[in-house]
Amino acid sequence: MAAFVVFFYVTATNAQSTKPFQGTITYDVAYTGANLTPAQKAQLPTSQVVTVKECKTKTEVVSGPMTQEVITDGTTKTETVLIDMGSAETKFAIKFTAEQITEELAKAPMPTVNITKVTKVISGYTCKQAILTTKQEDGTTTTDTIYFTESIGCADLNFGTQFKDIPGAVLQYSEYIAQAEATASYTVKEIKKSKVSDNVFLTPSDFKEVTKDELKKMFGGD
């Protein structure tokens, strides 16, 4: 689940403010280890925008003609996925409860987290390094290095992802995209503080609410 933001530059001093963060984070996305055709590359997102207000997020990704937004609430531990395929008839909303998210996470290998003493400044924010070690279903072990800041978001900001034990916004990370047989690397391009309306996290009225299974059936899935 990503699962599945635009900011003006701030100084490290301002970044450490105790006032809850509101604003956007924009990531550049690069791909490695894949033999992708030009047509396949055109379908992959090259950026990701995350809007944050305290413990809520909205992540927007554009993949070819499709736009996907994931709205999360770290307080209620709920999630809504909005899928817009380009027409009024192809706008769908899938809502997940805390119980459903817990069940989904239990199906996937989850990493153990080791937060080191290494730090790195990213867009004015002092980030901590974390080493994530995951034992895969085939018995192999993978290790990933990420950087996160506790100055953006809350302790439960990442509750529905592989980063659920990371207490703050992850500003540098990689993930494997099975469909593309590629590794996507996310690097912050810009962080901008700005006032965020609560309306940003509401489901638009023109989106039809469906279940995950209903959406699969609509497009010929199992």
N, C-alpha and C. Protein backbone atom coordinates (compact mmCIF):
# COMPACT_ATOMS: atom_id res chain seq x y z
N MET A 1 0.88 -1.16 0.00
CA MET A 1 0.00 0.00 0.00
C MET A 1 0.90 1.19 0.00
N ALA A 2 0.62 1.20 -0.51
CA ALA A 2 1.56 2.18 -0.56
C ALA A 2 1.18 3.28 -0.05
N ALA A 3 2.17 1.63 -0.57
CA ALA A 3 1.91 2.05 -0.78
C ALA A 3 3.13 3.02 -1.11
N PHE A 4 1.24 3.77 -1.63
CA PHE A 4 1.22 4.17 -2.12
C PHE A 4 1.37 5.72 -1.07
N VAL A 5 4.76 16.15 -3.03
CA VAL A 5 4.35 17.29 -2.22
C VAL A 5 5.18 18.55 -2.53
N VAL A 6 4.58 19.62 -2.63
CA VAL A 6 5.32 20.82 -3.04
C VAL A 6 5.62 21.69 -1.82
N PHE A 7 6.89 22.05 -1.53
CA PHE A 7 7.27 22.85 -0.37
C PHE A 7 8.29 23.92 -0.74
N PHE A 8 8.23 25.11 -0.15
CA PHE A 8 9.33 26.02 -0.34
C PHE A 8 10.43 25.67 0.65
N TYR A 9 11.65 26.07 0.32
CA TYR A 9 12.81 25.69 1.14
C TYR A 9 12.74 26.36 2.50
N VAL A 10 12.97 25.57 3.55
CA VAL A 10 12.98 26.10 4.90
C VAL A 10 14.33 25.83 5.53
N THR A 11 14.70 26.62 6.50
CA THR A 11 15.98 26.41 7.16
C THR A 11 15.85 25.28 8.16
N ALA A 12 16.99 24.75 8.55
CA ALA A 12 16.97 23.66 9.53
C ALA A 12 16.38 24.13 10.85
N THR A 13 16.60 25.39 11.19
CA THR A 13 16.04 25.92 12.43
C THR A 13 14.52 25.92 12.38
N ASN A 14 13.95 26.40 11.28
CA ASN A 14 12.49 26.41 11.16
C ASN A 14 11.93 25.01 11.09
N ALA A 15 12.69 24.11 10.50
CA ALA A 15 12.21 22.75 10.33
C ALA A 15 12.00 22.05 11.67
N GLN A 16 12.72 22.47 12.67
CA GLN A 16 12.61 21.83 13.97
C GLN A 16 11.54 22.47 14.85
N SER A 17 10.71 23.32 14.27
CA SER A 17 9.63 23.96 15.02
C SER A 17 8.70 22.92 15.62
N THR A 18 8.17 23.23 16.82
CA THR A 18 7.26 22.29 17.48
C THR A 18 5.84 22.42 16.95
N LYS A 19 5.56 23.42 16.15
CA LYS A 19 4.23 23.58 15.58
C LYS A 19 3.98 22.47 14.57
N PRO A 20 2.82 21.77 14.67
CA PRO A 20 2.54 20.66 13.75
C PRO A 20 2.65 21.10 12.29
N PHE A 21 3.26 20.26 11.49
CA PHE A 21 3.52 20.60 10.09
C PHE A 21 2.25 20.58 9.26
N GLN A 22 2.13 21.56 8.37
CA GLN A 22 1.13 21.57 7.32
C GLN A 22 1.84 21.97 6.03
N GLY A 23 1.55 21.26 4.96
CA GLY A 23 2.17 21.61 3.69
C GLY A 23 2.27 20.43 2.75
N THR A 24 3.20 20.52 1.82
CA THR A 24 3.35 19.47 0.81
C THR A 24 4.80 19.05 0.65
N ILE A 25 4.98 17.81 0.23
CA ILE A 25 6.31 17.26 -0.08
C ILE A 25 6.27 16.73 -1.51
N THR A 26 7.20 17.16 -2.33
CA THR A 26 7.28 16.66 -3.70
C THR A 26 8.51 15.76 -3.83
N TYR A 27 8.28 14.55 -4.34
CA TYR A 27 9.37 13.59 -4.55
C TYR A 27 9.62 13.40 -6.04
N ASP A 28 10.89 13.28 -6.41
CA ASP A 28 11.26 12.76 -7.73
C ASP A 28 11.33 11.24 -7.61
N VAL A 29 10.86 10.55 -8.67
CA VAL A 29 10.89 9.09 -8.67
C VAL A 29 11.75 8.61 -9.83
N ALA A 30 12.75 7.78 -9.53
CA ALA A 30 13.62 7.22 -10.56
C ALA A 30 13.57 5.70 -10.47
N TYR A 31 13.82 5.03 -11.61
CA TYR A 31 13.70 3.58 -11.68
C TYR A 31 15.02 2.94 -12.11
N THR A 32 15.34 1.82 -11.46
CA THR A 32 16.56 1.09 -11.80
C THR A 32 16.25 -0.41 -11.88
N GLY A 33 17.14 -1.14 -12.57
CA GLY A 33 17.03 -2.59 -12.63
C GLY A 33 15.90 -3.10 -13.48
N ALA A 34 15.47 -2.31 -14.45
CA ALA A 34 14.35 -2.75 -15.27
C ALA A 34 14.68 -2.60 -16.75
N ASN A 35 14.19 -3.55 -17.54
CA ASN A 35 14.29 -3.45 -18.99
C ASN A 35 12.93 -3.02 -19.52
N LEU A 36 12.67 -1.74 -19.39
CA LEU A 36 11.35 -1.23 -19.72
C LEU A 36 11.32 -0.66 -21.13
N THR A 37 10.22 -0.90 -21.82
CA THR A 37 10.03 -0.30 -23.14
C THR A 37 9.61 1.15 -22.94
N PRO A 38 9.77 2.00 -23.97
CA PRO A 38 9.32 3.39 -23.85
C PRO A 38 7.84 3.49 -23.46
N ALA A 39 7.01 2.58 -23.97
CA ALA A 39 5.58 2.61 -23.63
C ALA A 39 5.37 2.31 -22.15
N GLN A 40 6.14 1.36 -21.60
CA GLN A 40 6.02 1.04 -20.18
C GLN A 40 6.50 2.20 -19.32
N LYS A 41 7.60 2.81 -19.72
CA LYS A 41 8.13 3.94 -18.96
C LYS A 41 7.12 5.09 -18.91
N ALA A 42 6.37 5.27 -20.00
CA ALA A 42 5.40 6.37 -20.07
C ALA A 42 4.27 6.20 -19.07
N GLN A 43 4.05 4.95 -18.63
CA GLN A 43 2.98 4.68 -17.68
C GLN A 43 3.42 4.82 -16.22
N LEU A 44 4.73 4.95 -16.00
CA LEU A 44 5.24 5.02 -14.63
C LEU A 44 5.35 6.47 -14.16
N PRO A 45 4.97 6.76 -12.93
CA PRO A 45 5.06 8.13 -12.42
C PRO A 45 6.51 8.56 -12.21
N THR A 46 6.79 9.80 -12.48
CA THR A 46 8.13 10.34 -12.26
C THR A 46 8.17 11.29 -11.06
N SER A 47 7.00 11.50 -10.45
CA SER A 47 6.95 12.34 -9.26
C SER A 47 5.80 11.87 -8.37
N GLN A 48 5.86 12.29 -7.12
CA GLN A 48 4.82 11.98 -6.15
C GLN A 48 4.65 13.20 -5.25
N VAL A 49 3.41 13.58 -5.01
CA VAL A 49 3.13 14.74 -4.17
C VAL A 49 2.34 14.30 -2.94
N VAL A 50 2.85 14.62 -1.77
CA VAL A 50 2.18 14.26 -0.52
C VAL A 50 1.81 15.52 0.25
N THR A 51 0.53 15.66 0.52
CA THR A 51 0.04 16.76 1.35
C THR A 51 -0.09 16.25 2.78
N VAL A 52 0.45 17.01 3.73
CA VAL A 52 0.45 16.57 5.13
C VAL A 52 -0.18 17.64 6.01
N LYS A 53 -1.04 17.21 6.91
CA LYS A 53 -1.57 18.08 7.95
C LYS A 53 -1.59 17.29 9.24
N GLU A 54 -0.62 17.55 10.09
CA GLU A 54 -0.48 16.84 11.35
C GLU A 54 -0.41 15.33 11.12
N CYS A 55 -1.50 14.58 11.37
CA CYS A 55 -1.46 13.13 11.25
C CYS A 55 -2.21 12.63 10.01
N LYS A 56 -2.59 13.54 9.12
CA LYS A 56 -3.30 13.17 7.90
C LYS A 56 -2.41 13.39 6.69
N THR A 57 -2.59 12.53 5.67
CA THR A 57 -1.85 12.70 4.43
C THR A 57 -2.76 12.47 3.22
N LYS A 58 -2.38 13.07 2.11
CA LYS A 58 -2.96 12.73 0.81
C LYS A 58 -1.81 12.62 -0.17
N THR A 59 -1.65 11.43 -0.73
CA THR A 59 -0.57 11.15 -1.67
C THR A 59 -1.14 11.06 -3.08
N GLU A 60 -0.58 11.84 -4.00
CA GLU A 60 -1.07 11.86 -5.38
C GLU A 60 0.00 11.37 -6.33
N VAL A 61 -0.40 10.41 -7.19
CA VAL A 61 0.50 9.85 -8.19
C VAL A 61 -0.24 9.79 -9.52
N VAL A 62 0.41 10.26 -10.58
CA VAL A 62 -0.17 10.19 -11.93
C VAL A 62 0.59 9.14 -12.73
N SER A 63 -0.14 8.14 -13.24
CA SER A 63 0.46 7.07 -14.04
C SER A 63 -0.25 7.04 -15.39
N GLY A 64 0.37 7.61 -16.40
CA GLY A 64 -0.29 7.69 -17.70
C GLY A 64 -1.60 8.44 -17.59
N PRO A 65 -2.71 7.85 -18.03
CA PRO A 65 -4.00 8.54 -17.97
C PRO A 65 -4.68 8.45 -16.61
N MET A 66 -4.11 7.68 -15.69
CA MET A 66 -4.77 7.45 -14.40
C MET A 66 -4.13 8.26 -13.28
N THR A 67 -4.97 8.86 -12.45
CA THR A 67 -4.51 9.54 -11.24
C THR A 67 -5.00 8.76 -10.03
N GLN A 68 -4.09 8.49 -9.11
CA GLN A 68 -4.46 7.81 -7.87
C GLN A 68 -4.08 8.67 -6.69
N GLU A 69 -5.02 8.83 -5.77
CA GLU A 69 -4.77 9.56 -4.53
C GLU A 69 -5.09 8.65 -3.36
N VAL A 70 -4.21 8.66 -2.37
CA VAL A 70 -4.42 7.86 -1.16
C VAL A 70 -4.51 8.82 0.02
N ILE A 71 -5.65 8.80 0.70
CA ILE A 71 -5.89 9.67 1.85
C ILE A 71 -5.82 8.83 3.11
N THR A 72 -4.98 9.22 4.06
CA THR A 72 -4.84 8.46 5.29
C THR A 72 -5.04 9.34 6.51
N ASP A 73 -5.47 8.71 7.59
CA ASP A 73 -5.65 9.40 8.87
C ASP A 73 -4.97 8.55 9.94
N GLY A 74 -3.84 9.01 10.43
CA GLY A 74 -3.08 8.25 11.42
C GLY A 74 -3.75 8.17 12.77
N THR A 75 -4.74 9.04 13.01
CA THR A 75 -5.46 9.01 14.29
C THR A 75 -6.50 7.89 14.30
N THR A 76 -7.29 7.80 13.22
CA THR A 76 -8.32 6.76 13.13
C THR A 76 -7.79 5.50 12.45
N LYS A 77 -6.59 5.62 11.84
CA LYS A 77 -5.96 4.52 11.10
C LYS A 77 -6.86 4.00 9.99
N THR A 78 -7.45 4.92 9.25
CA THR A 78 -8.29 4.60 8.10
C THR A 78 -7.66 5.14 6.83
N GLU A 79 -8.10 4.61 5.70
CA GLU A 79 -7.52 5.00 4.41
C GLU A 79 -8.59 5.00 3.33
N THR A 80 -8.48 5.97 2.42
CA THR A 80 -9.35 6.02 1.24
C THR A 80 -8.48 6.14 0.01
N VAL A 81 -8.74 5.27 -0.98
CA VAL A 81 -8.01 5.31 -2.24
C VAL A 81 -8.95 5.86 -3.31
N LEU A 82 -8.54 6.94 -3.97
CA LEU A 82 -9.32 7.54 -5.05
C LEU A 82 -8.64 7.24 -6.37
N ILE A 83 -9.40 6.66 -7.30
CA ILE A 83 -8.87 6.31 -8.61
C ILE A 83 -9.66 7.04 -9.68
N ASP A 84 -8.96 7.84 -10.48
CA ASP A 84 -9.58 8.61 -11.57
C ASP A 84 -8.94 8.17 -12.87
N MET A 85 -9.74 7.49 -13.71
CA MET A 85 -9.22 6.98 -14.98
C MET A 85 -9.52 7.88 -16.16
N GLY A 86 -9.96 9.10 -15.87
CA GLY A 86 -10.08 10.09 -16.94
C GLY A 86 -11.46 10.44 -17.40
N SER A 87 -12.50 9.85 -16.79
CA SER A 87 -13.86 10.21 -17.18
C SER A 87 -14.76 10.20 -15.96
N ALA A 88 -15.94 10.80 -16.10
CA ALA A 88 -16.88 10.87 -14.98
C ALA A 88 -17.35 9.49 -14.54
N GLU A 89 -17.33 8.52 -15.49
CA GLU A 89 -17.80 7.17 -15.18
C GLU A 89 -16.71 6.29 -14.58
N THR A 90 -15.49 6.78 -14.55
CA THR A 90 -14.38 5.96 -14.05
C THR A 90 -13.66 6.65 -12.89
N LYS A 91 -14.46 7.17 -11.97
CA LYS A 91 -13.92 7.74 -10.74
C LYS A 91 -14.42 6.89 -9.57
N PHE A 92 -13.49 6.24 -8.87
CA PHE A 92 -13.87 5.30 -7.83
C PHE A 92 -13.17 5.61 -6.51
N ALA A 93 -13.86 5.32 -5.41
CA ALA A 93 -13.30 5.49 -4.07
C ALA A 93 -13.40 4.16 -3.33
N ILE A 94 -12.29 3.73 -2.78
CA ILE A 94 -12.26 2.51 -1.97
C ILE A 94 -11.84 2.88 -0.56
N LYS A 95 -12.67 2.56 0.42
CA LYS A 95 -12.38 2.92 1.80
C LYS A 95 -11.97 1.68 2.59
N PHE A 96 -10.95 1.84 3.41
CA PHE A 96 -10.43 0.75 4.22
C PHE A 96 -10.50 1.12 5.70
N THR A 97 -11.02 0.21 6.51
CA THR A 97 -11.09 0.41 7.95
C THR A 97 -9.76 0.03 8.58
N ALA A 98 -9.60 0.37 9.85
CA ALA A 98 -8.39 0.01 10.57
C ALA A 98 -8.22 -1.51 10.61
N GLU A 99 -9.33 -2.22 10.77
CA GLU A 99 -9.27 -3.68 10.83
C GLU A 99 -8.82 -4.27 9.50
N GLN A 100 -9.34 -3.74 8.40
CA GLN A 100 -8.95 -4.24 7.08
C GLN A 100 -7.48 -3.99 6.80
N ILE A 101 -6.99 -2.82 7.20
CA ILE A 101 -5.58 -2.50 6.97
C ILE A 101 -4.68 -3.42 7.78
N THR A 102 -5.06 -3.69 9.02
CA THR A 102 -4.29 -4.61 9.87
C THR A 102 -4.23 -5.99 9.25
N GLU A 103 -5.35 -6.45 8.69
CA GLU A 103 -5.39 -7.76 8.04
C GLU A 103 -4.48 -7.81 6.82
N GLU A 104 -4.48 -6.73 6.02
CA GLU A 104 -3.64 -6.69 4.83
C GLU A 104 -2.16 -6.70 5.20
N LEU A 105 -1.80 -5.94 6.22
CA LEU A 105 -0.40 -5.89 6.64
C LEU A 105 0.08 -7.24 7.16
N ALA A 106 -0.84 -7.99 7.77
CA ALA A 106 -0.47 -9.30 8.32
C ALA A 106 -0.13 -10.30 7.23
N LYS A 107 -0.57 -10.04 6.00
CA LYS A 107 -0.32 -10.95 4.89
C LYS A 107 1.07 -10.75 4.27
N ALA A 108 1.69 -9.62 4.54
CA ALA A 108 2.96 -9.28 3.89
C ALA A 108 4.11 -9.33 4.89
N PRO A 109 5.31 -9.69 4.43
CA PRO A 109 6.48 -9.66 5.33
C PRO A 109 6.74 -8.22 5.78
N MET A 110 6.87 -8.02 7.08
CA MET A 110 7.12 -6.68 7.60
C MET A 110 8.54 -6.59 8.14
N PRO A 111 9.19 -5.45 7.95
CA PRO A 111 10.59 -5.33 8.35
C PRO A 111 10.78 -5.08 9.84
N THR A 112 11.94 -5.45 10.33
CA THR A 112 12.37 -4.99 11.64
C THR A 112 13.13 -3.70 11.41
N VAL A 113 13.01 -2.76 12.35
CA VAL A 113 13.56 -1.42 12.16
C VAL A 113 14.68 -1.16 13.14
N ASN A 114 15.81 -0.70 12.61
CA ASN A 114 16.93 -0.28 13.45
C ASN A 114 17.24 1.18 13.14
N ILE A 115 16.90 2.07 14.06
CA ILE A 115 17.18 3.50 13.88
C ILE A 115 18.60 3.76 14.37
N THR A 116 19.45 4.20 13.45
CA THR A 116 20.86 4.40 13.77
C THR A 116 21.11 5.83 14.28
N LYS A 117 22.36 6.13 14.54
CA LYS A 117 22.75 7.47 14.98
C LYS A 117 23.14 8.36 13.80
N VAL A 118 23.08 7.81 12.60
CA VAL A 118 23.43 8.58 11.40
C VAL A 118 22.30 9.55 11.07
N THR A 119 22.66 10.77 10.71
CA THR A 119 21.66 11.77 10.30
C THR A 119 22.03 12.36 8.95
N LYS A 120 21.03 12.97 8.31
CA LYS A 120 21.23 13.56 7.00
C LYS A 120 20.24 14.70 6.85
N VAL A 121 20.69 15.84 6.34
CA VAL A 121 19.80 16.98 6.14
C VAL A 121 19.20 16.89 4.74
N ILE A 122 17.86 16.85 4.67
CA ILE A 122 17.14 16.81 3.40
C ILE A 122 16.16 17.97 3.36
N SER A 123 16.35 18.86 2.40
CA SER A 123 15.49 20.04 2.24
C SER A 123 15.31 20.81 3.55
N GLY A 124 16.40 20.92 4.31
CA GLY A 124 16.36 21.70 5.54
C GLY A 124 15.92 20.94 6.77
N TYR A 125 15.56 19.67 6.63
CA TYR A 125 15.10 18.86 7.75
C TYR A 125 16.17 17.84 8.13
N THR A 126 16.53 17.82 9.40
CA THR A 126 17.49 16.83 9.88
C THR A 126 16.78 15.48 10.00
N CYS A 127 17.24 14.51 9.24
CA CYS A 127 16.59 13.20 9.18
C CYS A 127 17.44 12.14 9.86
N LYS A 128 16.78 11.17 10.45
CA LYS A 128 17.45 10.03 11.04
C LYS A 128 17.50 8.90 10.02
N GLN A 129 18.54 8.11 10.11
CA GLN A 129 18.67 6.94 9.24
C GLN A 129 18.04 5.73 9.93
N ALA A 130 17.33 4.93 9.16
CA ALA A 130 16.78 3.67 9.67
C ALA A 130 17.13 2.55 8.71
N ILE A 131 17.55 1.42 9.26
CA ILE A 131 17.84 0.23 8.47
C ILE A 131 16.67 -0.74 8.64
N LEU A 132 16.04 -1.09 7.52
CA LEU A 132 14.90 -1.99 7.55
C LEU A 132 15.32 -3.35 7.01
N THR A 133 15.15 -4.38 7.82
CA THR A 133 15.52 -5.74 7.43
C THR A 133 14.26 -6.59 7.33
N THR A 134 14.04 -7.19 6.15
CA THR A 134 12.82 -7.94 5.91
C THR A 134 13.14 -9.36 5.47
N LYS A 135 12.53 -10.34 6.14
CA LYS A 135 12.66 -11.73 5.71
C LYS A 135 11.52 -12.03 4.75
N GLN A 136 11.87 -12.32 3.50
CA GLN A 136 10.87 -12.54 2.48
C GLN A 136 10.27 -13.94 2.58
N GLU A 137 9.17 -14.16 1.87
CA GLU A 137 8.48 -15.44 1.92
C GLU A 137 9.33 -16.59 1.38
N ASP A 138 10.27 -16.27 0.48
CA ASP A 138 11.13 -17.33 -0.08
C ASP A 138 12.34 -17.63 0.79
N GLY A 139 12.40 -16.97 1.97
CA GLY A 139 13.50 -17.22 2.89
C GLY A 139 14.65 -16.27 2.79
N THR A 140 14.71 -15.47 1.73
CA THR A 140 15.79 -14.50 1.58
C THR A 140 15.54 -13.29 2.47
N THR A 141 16.59 -12.54 2.71
CA THR A 141 16.50 -11.35 3.55
C THR A 141 16.92 -10.12 2.75
N THR A 142 16.12 -9.07 2.81
CA THR A 142 16.46 -7.82 2.12
C THR A 142 16.69 -6.73 3.15
N THR A 143 17.56 -5.79 2.79
CA THR A 143 17.87 -4.67 3.67
C THR A 143 17.70 -3.36 2.91
N ASP A 144 17.00 -2.43 3.52
CA ASP A 144 16.77 -1.12 2.92
C ASP A 144 17.17 -0.03 3.89
N THR A 145 17.73 1.04 3.34
CA THR A 145 18.11 2.20 4.15
C THR A 145 17.20 3.37 3.80
N ILE A 146 16.58 3.96 4.82
CA ILE A 146 15.69 5.10 4.60
C ILE A 146 16.10 6.25 5.52
N TYR A 147 15.58 7.44 5.21
CA TYR A 147 15.78 8.60 6.07
C TYR A 147 14.42 9.23 6.35
N PHE A 148 14.18 9.57 7.63
CA PHE A 148 12.89 10.12 8.01
C PHE A 148 13.07 11.26 9.00
N THR A 149 12.05 12.11 9.10
CA THR A 149 12.07 13.21 10.07
C THR A 149 10.83 13.16 10.95
N GLU A 150 11.03 13.36 12.23
CA GLU A 150 9.92 13.42 13.18
C GLU A 150 9.30 14.81 13.23
N SER A 151 9.86 15.75 12.45
CA SER A 151 9.34 17.12 12.41
C SER A 151 8.14 17.26 11.49
N ILE A 152 7.84 16.22 10.71
CA ILE A 152 6.69 16.22 9.81
C ILE A 152 5.82 15.02 10.13
N GLY A 153 4.54 15.28 10.39
CA GLY A 153 3.63 14.18 10.67
C GLY A 153 3.62 13.80 12.13
N CYS A 154 3.16 12.56 12.40
CA CYS A 154 3.03 12.07 13.77
C CYS A 154 3.61 10.66 13.85
N ALA A 155 3.59 10.08 15.03
CA ALA A 155 4.17 8.76 15.24
C ALA A 155 3.47 7.69 14.41
N ASP A 156 2.18 7.88 14.13
CA ASP A 156 1.41 6.88 13.38
C ASP A 156 1.16 7.31 11.94
N LEU A 157 1.97 8.20 11.41
CA LEU A 157 1.77 8.71 10.06
C LEU A 157 1.79 7.60 9.02
N ASN A 158 2.63 6.57 9.24
CA ASN A 158 2.83 5.52 8.25
C ASN A 158 2.14 4.21 8.61
N PHE A 159 1.06 4.30 9.37
CA PHE A 159 0.42 3.12 9.96
C PHE A 159 0.05 2.05 8.94
N GLY A 160 -0.27 2.43 7.71
CA GLY A 160 -0.76 1.46 6.73
C GLY A 160 0.27 0.98 5.74
N THR A 161 1.55 1.21 6.02
CA THR A 161 2.61 0.87 5.07
C THR A 161 3.69 0.03 5.74
N GLN A 162 4.70 -0.33 4.93
CA GLN A 162 5.84 -1.07 5.47
C GLN A 162 6.65 -0.22 6.44
N PHE A 163 6.36 1.08 6.48
CA PHE A 163 7.07 1.99 7.39
C PHE A 163 6.26 2.27 8.66
N LYS A 164 5.36 1.38 9.03
CA LYS A 164 4.45 1.65 10.14
C LYS A 164 5.16 1.92 11.47
N ASP A 165 6.39 1.43 11.60
CA ASP A 165 7.14 1.65 12.85
C ASP A 165 8.07 2.86 12.77
N ILE A 166 7.95 3.64 11.69
CA ILE A 166 8.77 4.84 11.52
C ILE A 166 7.94 6.05 11.98
N PRO A 167 8.39 6.77 13.02
CA PRO A 167 7.59 7.85 13.63
C PRO A 167 7.74 9.21 12.96
N GLY A 168 7.35 9.30 11.69
CA GLY A 168 7.44 10.58 10.99
C GLY A 168 7.54 10.38 9.50
N ALA A 169 7.64 11.50 8.77
CA ALA A 169 7.65 11.43 7.31
C ALA A 169 8.96 10.85 6.79
N VAL A 170 8.84 9.89 5.87
CA VAL A 170 10.01 9.29 5.23
C VAL A 170 10.36 10.14 4.01
N LEU A 171 11.56 10.70 3.99
CA LEU A 171 11.94 11.64 2.94
C LEU A 171 12.86 11.03 1.88
N GLN A 172 13.41 9.86 2.15
CA GLN A 172 14.22 9.18 1.14
C GLN A 172 14.07 7.68 1.33
N TYR A 173 13.66 6.98 0.26
CA TYR A 173 13.44 5.54 0.37
C TYR A 173 13.33 4.93 -1.02
N SER A 174 13.34 3.60 -1.06
CA SER A 174 13.16 2.86 -2.30
C SER A 174 12.15 1.76 -2.07
N GLU A 175 11.48 1.32 -3.15
CA GLU A 175 10.59 0.18 -3.05
C GLU A 175 10.57 -0.56 -4.38
N TYR A 176 10.36 -1.88 -4.28
CA TYR A 176 10.34 -2.71 -5.48
C TYR A 176 8.94 -2.72 -6.06
N ILE A 177 8.84 -2.47 -7.37
CA ILE A 177 7.56 -2.47 -8.08
C ILE A 177 7.49 -3.76 -8.89
N ALA A 178 6.75 -4.74 -8.37
CA ALA A 178 6.73 -6.06 -8.98
C ALA A 178 6.21 -6.02 -10.42
N GLN A 179 5.16 -5.22 -10.65
CA GLN A 179 4.57 -5.17 -12.00
C GLN A 179 5.57 -4.70 -13.05
N ALA A 180 6.48 -3.82 -12.65
CA ALA A 180 7.46 -3.28 -13.59
C ALA A 180 8.81 -3.97 -13.48
N GLU A 181 8.95 -4.86 -12.49
CA GLU A 181 10.23 -5.51 -12.21
C GLU A 181 11.34 -4.47 -12.09
N ALA A 182 11.03 -3.43 -11.32
CA ALA A 182 11.97 -2.32 -11.16
C ALA A 182 11.95 -1.83 -9.72
N THR A 183 13.01 -1.17 -9.34
CA THR A 183 13.08 -0.52 -8.03
C THR A 183 12.86 0.97 -8.22
N ALA A 184 11.89 1.52 -7.50
CA ALA A 184 11.60 2.95 -7.56
C ALA A 184 12.27 3.64 -6.38
N SER A 185 13.05 4.67 -6.68
CA SER A 185 13.74 5.44 -5.63
C SER A 185 13.09 6.81 -5.50
N TYR A 186 12.72 7.16 -4.28
CA TYR A 186 12.02 8.41 -4.01
C TYR A 186 12.96 9.37 -3.29
N THR A 187 13.14 10.55 -3.90
CA THR A 187 14.02 11.58 -3.34
C THR A 187 13.27 12.90 -3.29
N VAL A 188 13.33 13.58 -2.17
CA VAL A 188 12.60 14.84 -2.04
C VAL A 188 13.15 15.89 -3.00
N LYS A 189 12.23 16.50 -3.73
CA LYS A 189 12.58 17.61 -4.61
C LYS A 189 12.34 18.93 -3.91
N GLU A 190 11.24 19.01 -3.17
CA GLU A 190 10.88 20.28 -2.54
C GLU A 190 9.92 20.02 -1.37
N ILE A 191 10.06 20.81 -0.32
CA ILE A 191 9.15 20.79 0.81
C ILE A 191 8.63 22.20 1.02
N LYS A 192 7.32 22.32 1.13
CA LYS A 192 6.71 23.65 1.25
C LYS A 192 5.70 23.67 2.38
N LYS A 193 5.90 24.60 3.32
CA LYS A 193 4.91 24.81 4.38
C LYS A 193 3.79 25.69 3.85
N SER A 194 2.55 25.30 4.11
CA SER A 194 1.40 26.11 3.72
C SER A 194 0.19 25.62 4.50
N LYS A 195 -0.80 26.48 4.65
CA LYS A 195 -2.01 26.08 5.37
C LYS A 195 -2.80 25.09 4.52
N VAL A 196 -3.23 24.00 5.14
CA VAL A 196 -3.96 22.95 4.43
C VAL A 196 -5.37 22.85 4.99
N SER A 197 -6.36 22.93 4.12
CA SER A 197 -7.75 22.80 4.53
C SER A 197 -8.10 21.35 4.80
N ASP A 198 -8.98 21.12 5.78
CA ASP A 198 -9.45 19.75 6.05
C ASP A 198 -10.20 19.17 4.86
N ASN A 199 -10.72 20.02 4.00
CA ASN A 199 -11.46 19.54 2.82
C ASN A 199 -10.58 18.72 1.87
N VAL A 200 -9.27 18.94 1.95
CA VAL A 200 -8.33 18.20 1.10
C VAL A 200 -8.46 16.70 1.34
N PHE A 201 -8.86 16.32 2.55
CA PHE A 201 -8.88 14.91 2.93
C PHE A 201 -10.27 14.28 2.83
N LEU A 202 -11.20 14.99 2.19
CA LEU A 202 -12.55 14.46 2.00
C LEU A 202 -12.66 13.77 0.65
N THR A 203 -13.59 12.82 0.53
CA THR A 203 -13.85 12.15 -0.74
C THR A 203 -14.76 13.01 -1.59
N PRO A 204 -14.34 13.40 -2.81
CA PRO A 204 -15.20 14.21 -3.69
C PRO A 204 -16.52 13.51 -3.98
N SER A 205 -17.58 14.28 -4.13
CA SER A 205 -18.92 13.72 -4.32
C SER A 205 -19.09 12.99 -5.65
N ASP A 206 -18.22 13.27 -6.63
CA ASP A 206 -18.37 12.62 -7.93
C ASP A 206 -17.63 11.29 -8.04
N PHE A 207 -17.09 10.79 -6.93
CA PHE A 207 -16.44 9.49 -6.93
C PHE A 207 -17.41 8.43 -6.41
N LYS A 208 -17.51 7.32 -7.11
CA LYS A 208 -18.39 6.23 -6.72
C LYS A 208 -17.66 5.31 -5.75
N GLU A 209 -18.28 5.06 -4.59
CA GLU A 209 -17.65 4.19 -3.61
C GLU A 209 -17.86 2.72 -3.98
N VAL A 210 -16.77 1.98 -4.08
CA VAL A 210 -16.82 0.56 -4.39
C VAL A 210 -15.87 -0.18 -3.45
N THR A 211 -15.98 -1.50 -3.44
CA THR A 211 -15.03 -2.30 -2.68
C THR A 211 -13.87 -2.67 -3.60
N LYS A 212 -12.80 -3.15 -2.99
CA LYS A 212 -11.64 -3.59 -3.76
C LYS A 212 -12.01 -4.71 -4.71
N ASP A 213 -12.82 -5.67 -4.24
CA ASP A 213 -13.23 -6.79 -5.07
C ASP A 213 -14.14 -6.34 -6.22
N GLU A 214 -15.03 -5.39 -5.94
CA GLU A 214 -15.90 -4.89 -6.99
C GLU A 214 -15.11 -4.22 -8.10
N LEU A 215 -14.08 -3.49 -7.73
CA LEU A 215 -13.27 -2.81 -8.74
C LEU A 215 -12.52 -3.83 -9.59
N LYS A 216 -12.00 -4.88 -8.96
CA LYS A 216 -11.30 -5.93 -9.71
C LYS A 216 -12.22 -6.56 -10.75
N LYS A 217 -13.46 -6.85 -10.35
CA LYS A 217 -14.41 -7.48 -11.26
C LYS A 217 -14.76 -6.58 -12.44
N MET A 218 -14.83 -5.28 -12.18
CA MET A 218 -15.13 -4.33 -13.26
C MET A 218 -14.10 -4.38 -14.37
N PHE A 219 -12.84 -4.67 -14.00
CA PHE A 219 -11.76 -4.64 -14.98
C PHE A 219 -11.17 -6.02 -15.22
N GLY A 220 -12.02 -7.05 -14.98
CA GLY A 220 -11.65 -8.40 -15.37
C GLY A 220 -10.66 -9.09 -14.45
N GLY A 221 -10.52 -8.59 -13.22
CA GLY A 221 -9.60 -9.24 -12.27
C GLY A 221 -10.26 -10.41 -11.59
N ASP A 222 -9.45 -11.16 -10.81
CA ASP A 222 -9.98 -12.31 -10.09
C ASP A 222 -10.81 -11.88 -8.88
